[in-house]
Structure formats: C-alpha cells, structure tokens
N, C-alpha and C. Protein backbone atom coordinates (compact mmCIF):
# COMPACT_ATOMS: atom_id res chain seq x y z
N MET A 1 25.43 13.92 -66.54
CA MET A 1 26.57 13.04 -66.47
C MET A 1 26.78 12.40 -67.81
N GLU A 2 28.02 12.25 -68.16
CA GLU A 2 28.37 11.65 -69.43
C GLU A 2 27.74 10.26 -69.61
N LEU A 3 27.67 9.52 -68.54
CA LEU A 3 27.18 8.15 -68.56
C LEU A 3 25.79 8.04 -69.10
N PHE A 4 24.97 9.07 -68.86
CA PHE A 4 23.57 9.01 -69.25
C PHE A 4 23.24 9.79 -70.51
N LYS A 5 24.21 10.39 -71.15
CA LYS A 5 23.96 11.13 -72.39
C LYS A 5 23.41 10.17 -73.42
N GLY A 6 22.38 10.57 -74.12
CA GLY A 6 21.83 9.78 -75.19
C GLY A 6 20.73 8.83 -74.68
N GLN A 7 20.54 8.72 -73.40
CA GLN A 7 19.52 7.90 -72.87
C GLN A 7 18.21 8.61 -72.83
N SER A 8 17.15 7.89 -73.06
CA SER A 8 15.80 8.49 -72.94
C SER A 8 15.39 8.49 -71.48
N LEU A 9 14.38 9.25 -71.17
CA LEU A 9 13.86 9.29 -69.80
C LEU A 9 13.38 7.91 -69.39
N LEU A 10 12.80 7.17 -70.32
CA LEU A 10 12.34 5.82 -70.04
C LEU A 10 13.50 4.89 -69.64
N GLU A 11 14.59 4.96 -70.39
CA GLU A 11 15.77 4.15 -70.07
C GLU A 11 16.34 4.54 -68.69
N PHE A 12 16.37 5.84 -68.43
CA PHE A 12 16.89 6.31 -67.14
C PHE A 12 16.01 5.82 -65.98
N THR A 13 14.71 5.94 -66.14
CA THR A 13 13.81 5.49 -65.05
C THR A 13 13.79 3.98 -64.88
N GLU A 14 14.14 3.26 -65.93
CA GLU A 14 14.28 1.78 -65.81
C GLU A 14 15.50 1.46 -64.96
N ARG A 15 16.56 2.21 -65.14
CA ARG A 15 17.78 2.00 -64.38
C ARG A 15 17.59 2.37 -62.90
N PHE A 16 16.87 3.45 -62.65
CA PHE A 16 16.70 3.92 -61.26
C PHE A 16 15.20 3.90 -60.92
N LYS A 17 14.71 2.75 -60.65
CA LYS A 17 13.30 2.58 -60.32
C LYS A 17 12.96 3.08 -58.92
N THR A 18 13.94 2.98 -58.04
CA THR A 18 13.72 3.38 -56.62
C THR A 18 14.81 4.28 -56.17
N ASP A 19 14.59 4.93 -54.99
CA ASP A 19 15.64 5.73 -54.39
C ASP A 19 16.86 4.89 -54.06
N LEU A 20 16.59 3.64 -53.62
CA LEU A 20 17.68 2.78 -53.27
C LEU A 20 18.59 2.47 -54.45
N ASP A 21 17.98 2.31 -55.68
CA ASP A 21 18.78 2.12 -56.87
C ASP A 21 19.74 3.30 -57.09
N CYS A 22 19.23 4.49 -56.88
CA CYS A 22 20.01 5.68 -57.07
C CYS A 22 21.11 5.80 -56.01
N GLU A 23 20.76 5.51 -54.77
CA GLU A 23 21.74 5.56 -53.68
C GLU A 23 22.86 4.57 -53.90
N GLU A 24 22.52 3.37 -54.34
CA GLU A 24 23.56 2.34 -54.57
C GLU A 24 24.48 2.76 -55.70
N TYR A 25 23.89 3.35 -56.72
CA TYR A 25 24.75 3.83 -57.86
C TYR A 25 25.72 4.94 -57.42
N LEU A 26 25.16 5.90 -56.67
CA LEU A 26 26.01 7.02 -56.22
C LEU A 26 27.09 6.52 -55.24
N ALA A 27 26.73 5.58 -54.38
CA ALA A 27 27.70 5.01 -53.42
C ALA A 27 28.82 4.31 -54.20
N SER A 28 28.48 3.61 -55.30
CA SER A 28 29.49 2.91 -56.08
C SER A 28 30.47 3.89 -56.72
N LEU A 29 30.03 5.10 -57.01
CA LEU A 29 30.95 6.07 -57.56
C LEU A 29 31.91 6.62 -56.52
N LYS A 30 31.41 6.81 -55.30
CA LYS A 30 32.24 7.42 -54.25
C LYS A 30 33.02 6.42 -53.42
N TRP A 31 32.50 5.21 -53.26
CA TRP A 31 33.13 4.23 -52.40
C TRP A 31 33.69 3.10 -53.24
N GLU A 32 34.96 2.91 -53.16
CA GLU A 32 35.58 1.78 -53.84
C GLU A 32 36.41 1.01 -52.84
N ASP A 33 36.16 -0.26 -52.66
CA ASP A 33 36.84 -1.09 -51.70
C ASP A 33 36.61 -0.57 -50.27
N GLY A 34 35.42 0.05 -49.99
CA GLY A 34 35.15 0.55 -48.64
C GLY A 34 35.86 1.82 -48.28
N ILE A 35 36.47 2.51 -49.26
CA ILE A 35 37.23 3.71 -49.02
C ILE A 35 36.61 4.87 -49.86
N PHE A 36 36.33 5.98 -49.17
CA PHE A 36 35.74 7.16 -49.86
C PHE A 36 36.84 8.00 -50.45
N THR A 37 36.67 8.41 -51.70
CA THR A 37 37.59 9.31 -52.35
C THR A 37 36.79 10.44 -53.01
N ALA A 38 37.20 11.65 -52.82
CA ALA A 38 36.48 12.80 -53.45
C ALA A 38 36.79 12.78 -54.95
N SER A 39 35.79 12.43 -55.74
CA SER A 39 36.00 12.30 -57.17
C SER A 39 36.08 13.65 -57.86
N LYS A 40 35.38 14.66 -57.37
CA LYS A 40 35.38 15.97 -58.04
C LYS A 40 36.70 16.62 -57.94
N THR A 41 37.34 16.52 -56.80
CA THR A 41 38.64 17.21 -56.61
C THR A 41 39.78 16.20 -56.83
N HIS A 42 39.45 14.95 -57.02
CA HIS A 42 40.48 13.91 -57.13
C HIS A 42 41.46 13.93 -55.96
N ASN A 43 40.87 14.23 -54.81
CA ASN A 43 41.68 14.31 -53.59
C ASN A 43 42.23 12.91 -53.30
N SER A 44 43.53 12.85 -53.06
CA SER A 44 44.17 11.57 -52.82
C SER A 44 43.95 11.07 -51.41
N LYS A 45 43.47 11.95 -50.51
CA LYS A 45 43.23 11.55 -49.14
C LYS A 45 42.01 10.69 -49.11
N GLU A 46 42.11 9.54 -48.53
CA GLU A 46 40.98 8.59 -48.50
C GLU A 46 40.44 8.52 -47.09
N TYR A 47 39.18 8.32 -46.98
CA TYR A 47 38.49 8.22 -45.73
C TYR A 47 37.75 6.90 -45.62
N THR A 48 37.85 6.24 -44.49
CA THR A 48 37.10 5.02 -44.34
C THR A 48 35.69 5.39 -43.87
N ILE A 49 34.74 4.48 -43.98
CA ILE A 49 33.38 4.73 -43.52
C ILE A 49 33.35 5.15 -42.08
N THR A 50 34.15 4.48 -41.26
CA THR A 50 34.18 4.77 -39.82
C THR A 50 34.66 6.18 -39.57
N GLN A 51 35.67 6.66 -40.29
CA GLN A 51 36.18 8.05 -40.11
C GLN A 51 35.11 9.04 -40.47
N ILE A 52 34.39 8.82 -41.55
CA ILE A 52 33.35 9.78 -41.96
C ILE A 52 32.22 9.82 -40.96
N ARG A 53 31.78 8.65 -40.45
CA ARG A 53 30.72 8.59 -39.46
C ARG A 53 31.15 9.32 -38.20
N ARG A 54 32.40 9.12 -37.77
CA ARG A 54 32.91 9.75 -36.58
C ARG A 54 32.94 11.28 -36.76
N ASN A 55 33.40 11.73 -37.91
CA ASN A 55 33.43 13.19 -38.17
C ASN A 55 32.03 13.78 -38.22
N ARG A 56 31.12 13.06 -38.86
CA ARG A 56 29.73 13.52 -38.95
C ARG A 56 29.10 13.67 -37.56
N ARG A 57 29.36 12.64 -36.70
CA ARG A 57 28.84 12.68 -35.35
C ARG A 57 29.41 13.84 -34.59
N LYS A 58 30.70 14.11 -34.73
CA LYS A 58 31.34 15.22 -34.04
C LYS A 58 30.76 16.55 -34.45
N ILE A 59 30.58 16.73 -35.74
CA ILE A 59 29.99 17.96 -36.27
C ILE A 59 28.56 18.14 -35.79
N THR A 60 27.81 17.07 -35.77
CA THR A 60 26.42 17.12 -35.28
C THR A 60 26.39 17.55 -33.78
N GLU A 61 27.30 16.95 -32.99
CA GLU A 61 27.34 17.31 -31.57
C GLU A 61 27.70 18.77 -31.39
N GLU A 62 28.63 19.29 -32.23
CA GLU A 62 29.04 20.70 -32.13
C GLU A 62 27.86 21.61 -32.48
N ILE A 63 27.06 21.25 -33.45
CA ILE A 63 25.94 22.05 -33.84
C ILE A 63 24.90 22.07 -32.73
N ILE A 64 24.65 20.86 -32.14
CA ILE A 64 23.67 20.82 -31.03
C ILE A 64 24.13 21.63 -29.85
N ASN A 65 25.44 21.53 -29.52
CA ASN A 65 25.97 22.29 -28.40
C ASN A 65 25.88 23.79 -28.65
N LYS A 66 26.13 24.20 -29.86
CA LYS A 66 26.06 25.62 -30.19
C LYS A 66 24.64 26.12 -30.02
N LYS A 67 23.66 25.36 -30.52
CA LYS A 67 22.23 25.77 -30.40
C LYS A 67 21.83 25.80 -28.97
N THR A 68 22.31 24.84 -28.14
CA THR A 68 21.94 24.80 -26.72
C THR A 68 22.53 26.03 -26.03
N ASN A 69 23.80 26.37 -26.33
CA ASN A 69 24.40 27.58 -25.74
C ASN A 69 23.68 28.84 -26.11
N GLU A 70 23.22 28.92 -27.38
CA GLU A 70 22.51 30.11 -27.83
C GLU A 70 21.20 30.25 -27.08
N LYS A 71 20.53 29.16 -26.84
CA LYS A 71 19.25 29.20 -26.12
C LYS A 71 19.44 29.58 -24.66
N THR A 72 20.50 29.12 -24.07
CA THR A 72 20.73 29.47 -22.63
C THR A 72 21.16 30.93 -22.49
N ASN A 73 21.72 31.52 -23.51
CA ASN A 73 22.10 32.92 -23.47
C ASN A 73 20.98 33.87 -23.75
N GLU A 74 19.90 33.39 -24.34
CA GLU A 74 18.76 34.24 -24.65
C GLU A 74 17.94 34.44 -23.38
N LYS A 75 17.47 35.64 -23.19
CA LYS A 75 16.65 35.94 -22.02
C LYS A 75 15.19 36.05 -22.50
N THR A 76 14.30 35.49 -21.71
CA THR A 76 12.90 35.62 -22.03
C THR A 76 12.39 36.97 -21.67
N ILE A 77 11.25 37.37 -22.15
CA ILE A 77 10.67 38.67 -21.81
C ILE A 77 10.42 38.76 -20.30
N CYS A 78 9.97 37.69 -19.68
CA CYS A 78 9.72 37.67 -18.23
C CYS A 78 11.03 37.94 -17.48
N GLU A 79 12.13 37.35 -17.94
CA GLU A 79 13.42 37.58 -17.26
C GLU A 79 13.85 39.04 -17.36
N ILE A 80 13.62 39.64 -18.50
CA ILE A 80 14.01 41.03 -18.72
C ILE A 80 13.19 41.97 -17.86
N ILE A 81 11.88 41.71 -17.80
CA ILE A 81 10.98 42.61 -17.04
C ILE A 81 11.29 42.49 -15.52
N THR A 82 11.56 41.27 -15.05
CA THR A 82 11.81 41.14 -13.61
C THR A 82 13.21 41.54 -13.22
N TYR A 83 14.09 41.81 -14.18
CA TYR A 83 15.47 42.18 -13.91
C TYR A 83 15.45 43.66 -13.59
C-alpha cells in the first residue's frame, strides 16, 4: 500500500501491534460514517452494516441448507446393500 511505502518493519509493527489494530485500520478504510463502500471498484452503491450482516446470514443459511440436502441425498453402503 502506498501509505506504508518507505516505512521500516519496526515502524509498521509499532503501528499494528495487535490484530485489533489492523482490523480497526482496515475497517476505517472500508467504513465511513457507518456505510460500506467498495474502494477497489469505487462502487457507488453503499451498504449499511445491517444490510451486510443480513446478506451474510442469508448466504450462510443457503450454504448450510445445500450441505444438508447433499447429505440427505447420499446413500450409505448399508442402504445400498439392503436395497
């Protein structure tokens, strides 16, 4: 990142002593006034924290449901033999 060019490893580790320091820095880049904006694509569509959490929850539920359906469609060796 341009921001850290010219910094030594010591200076960098002083700035980011913990994972929380890093997380807070990254969040400050992505979240401004509680609104998420995609900085890489400069997408003008903004998402609130609530919208992102809701979407993440929905995606997680879809993944769990898909895995559950795959397991119920699989037959065990015992089921195949007795069939």
